[in-house]
Amino acid sequence: MNQNLTYKEATQELEAILKAIETDAVDVDELTQKVQRSSELIKICKQKLRSAEAAINQVFEDIECNDEPETKPNSDKPATGKLF
């Protein structure tokens, strides 16, 4: 499995395989190889999507952490989120 493929390259290869199968350009002997390659490409795409989702979620978590009002340590007053 070639993990160096980009998501776009993997999806383009998947589309090419699908088109070849739909137009009967693949004979029975090649069909198994094409299906196995499609499975590998789908796994690559899923991994890339999961990685992108994790990175995006991290960005949103970082934003939410930065939006929380800061409180002064050892302060007797509860934090109100107001500066004055």
C-alpha atoms as a PDB file:
ATOM      1  CA  MET A   1       0.000   0.000   0.000  1.00  0.00           C
ATOM      2  CA  ASN A   2       1.418   3.373  -1.012  1.00  0.00           C
ATOM      3  CA  GLN A   3       0.769   5.836   1.818  1.00  0.00           C
ATOM      4  CA  ASN A   4       2.548   8.613  -0.118  1.00  0.00           C
ATOM      5  CA  LEU A   5      -0.462   9.136  -2.345  1.00  0.00           C
ATOM      6  CA  THR A   6      -2.446  12.277  -1.770  1.00  0.00           C
ATOM      7  CA  TYR A   7      -6.173  12.022  -1.161  1.00  0.00           C
ATOM      8  CA  LYS A   8      -6.793  13.506  -4.603  1.00  0.00           C
ATOM      9  CA  GLU A   9      -4.490  10.999  -6.304  1.00  0.00           C
ATOM     10  CA  ALA A  10      -6.144   8.095  -4.493  1.00  0.00           C
ATOM     11  CA  THR A  11      -9.655   9.217  -5.427  1.00  0.00           C
ATOM     12  CA  GLN A  12      -8.613   9.805  -9.031  1.00  0.00           C
ATOM     13  CA  GLU A  13      -7.200   6.288  -9.232  1.00  0.00           C
ATOM     14  CA  LEU A  14     -10.399   4.920  -7.705  1.00  0.00           C
ATOM     15  CA  GLU A  15     -12.441   6.783 -10.300  1.00  0.00           C
ATOM     16  CA  ALA A  16     -10.267   5.398 -13.095  1.00  0.00           C
ATOM     17  CA  ILE A  17     -10.708   1.846 -11.796  1.00  0.00           C
ATOM     18  CA  LEU A  18     -14.465   2.327 -11.528  1.00  0.00           C
ATOM     19  CA  LYS A  19     -14.679   3.726 -15.035  1.00  0.00           C
ATOM     20  CA  ALA A  20     -12.649   0.816 -16.415  1.00  0.00           C
ATOM     21  CA  ILE A  21     -14.908  -1.699 -14.670  1.00  0.00           C
ATOM     22  CA  GLU A  22     -18.089   0.069 -15.821  1.00  0.00           C
ATOM     23  CA  THR A  23     -16.946   0.135 -19.446  1.00  0.00           C
ATOM     24  CA  ASP A  24     -15.885  -3.520 -19.382  1.00  0.00           C
ATOM     25  CA  ALA A  25     -12.270  -2.490 -20.057  1.00  0.00           C
ATOM     26  CA  VAL A  26     -11.167  -4.884 -17.305  1.00  0.00           C
ATOM     27  CA  ASP A  27     -11.165  -8.578 -18.037  1.00  0.00           C
ATOM     28  CA  VAL A  28     -11.963 -11.156 -15.375  1.00  0.00           C
ATOM     29  CA  ASP A  29      -8.286 -11.866 -14.739  1.00  0.00           C
ATOM     30  CA  GLU A  30      -7.618  -8.221 -13.875  1.00  0.00           C
ATOM     31  CA  LEU A  31     -10.800  -7.737 -11.902  1.00  0.00           C
ATOM     32  CA  THR A  32      -9.462  -9.260  -8.671  1.00  0.00           C
ATOM     33  CA  GLN A  33      -6.368  -7.050  -8.801  1.00  0.00           C
ATOM     34  CA  LYS A  34      -8.475  -3.961  -9.432  1.00  0.00           C
ATOM     35  CA  VAL A  35     -10.803  -4.766  -6.536  1.00  0.00           C
ATOM     36  CA  GLN A  36      -7.837  -5.340  -4.202  1.00  0.00           C
ATOM     37  CA  ARG A  37      -6.237  -2.068  -5.293  1.00  0.00           C
ATOM     38  CA  SER A  38      -9.549  -0.282  -4.761  1.00  0.00           C
ATOM     39  CA  SER A  39      -9.662  -1.644  -1.214  1.00  0.00           C
ATOM     40  CA  GLU A  40      -6.152  -0.301  -0.547  1.00  0.00           C
ATOM     41  CA  LEU A  41      -7.080   3.101  -1.965  1.00  0.00           C
ATOM     42  CA  ILE A  42     -10.236   3.282   0.153  1.00  0.00           C
ATOM     43  CA  LYS A  43      -8.176   2.538   3.272  1.00  0.00           C
ATOM     44  CA  ILE A  44      -5.744   5.322   2.349  1.00  0.00           C
ATOM     45  CA  CYS A  45      -8.615   7.768   1.830  1.00  0.00           C
ATOM     46  CA  LYS A  46     -10.240   6.810   5.137  1.00  0.00           C
ATOM     47  CA  GLN A  47      -6.945   7.318   6.982  1.00  0.00           C
ATOM     48  CA  LYS A  48      -6.438  10.723   5.399  1.00  0.00           C
ATOM     49  CA  LEU A  49      -9.998  11.756   6.261  1.00  0.00           C
ATOM     50  CA  ARG A  50      -9.560  10.627   9.877  1.00  0.00           C
ATOM     51  CA  SER A  51      -6.288  12.551  10.131  1.00  0.00           C
ATOM     52  CA  ALA A  52      -7.896  15.670   8.702  1.00  0.00           C
ATOM     53  CA  GLU A  53     -10.844  15.334  11.090  1.00  0.00           C
ATOM     54  CA  ALA A  54      -8.510  14.990  14.085  1.00  0.00           C
ATOM     55  CA  ALA A  55      -6.511  18.041  13.016  1.00  0.00           C
ATOM     56  CA  ILE A  56      -9.663  20.110  12.519  1.00  0.00           C
ATOM     57  CA  ASN A  57     -11.059  19.021  15.879  1.00  0.00           C
ATOM     58  CA  GLN A  58      -7.782  20.041  17.515  1.00  0.00           C
ATOM     59  CA  VAL A  59      -8.041  23.497  15.956  1.00  0.00           C
ATOM     60  CA  PHE A  60     -11.565  23.909  17.327  1.00  0.00           C
ATOM     61  CA  GLU A  61     -10.468  22.698  20.768  1.00  0.00           C
ATOM     62  CA  ASP A  62      -7.625  25.224  20.723  1.00  0.00           C
ATOM     63  CA  ILE A  63     -10.050  27.993  19.759  1.00  0.00           C
ATOM     64  CA  GLU A  64     -12.436  27.047  22.562  1.00  0.00           C
ATOM     65  CA  CYS A  65      -9.595  27.037  25.097  1.00  0.00           C
ATOM     66  CA  ASN A  66      -8.500  30.489  23.965  1.00  0.00           C
ATOM     67  CA  ASP A  67     -12.047  31.849  24.290  1.00  0.00           C
ATOM     68  CA  GLU A  68     -12.358  30.940  27.976  1.00  0.00           C
ATOM     69  CA  PRO A  69     -11.968  33.936  30.300  1.00  0.00           C
ATOM     70  CA  GLU A  70      -8.782  33.980  32.293  1.00  0.00           C
ATOM     71  CA  THR A  71      -9.004  33.995  36.060  1.00  0.00           C
ATOM     72  CA  LYS A  72      -6.419  35.338  38.422  1.00  0.00           C
ATOM     73  CA  PRO A  73      -4.940  32.688  40.696  1.00  0.00           C
ATOM     74  CA  ASN A  74      -5.521  33.104  44.446  1.00  0.00           C
ATOM     75  CA  SER A  75      -8.242  35.672  43.826  1.00  0.00           C
ATOM     76  CA  ASP A  76     -10.994  35.969  46.442  1.00  0.00           C
ATOM     77  CA  LYS A  77     -13.475  37.193  43.825  1.00  0.00           C
ATOM     78  CA  PRO A  78     -15.114  34.727  41.450  1.00  0.00           C
ATOM     79  CA  ALA A  79     -14.291  35.222  37.793  1.00  0.00           C
ATOM     80  CA  THR A  80     -17.008  37.144  35.951  1.00  0.00           C
ATOM     81  CA  GLY A  81     -15.376  37.355  32.546  1.00  0.00           C
ATOM     82  CA  LYS A  82     -15.365  41.180  32.802  1.00  0.00           C
ATOM     83  CA  LEU A  83     -12.188  43.201  32.647  1.00  0.00           C
ATOM     84  CA  PHE A  84     -13.373  46.057  34.924  1.00  0.00           C
END
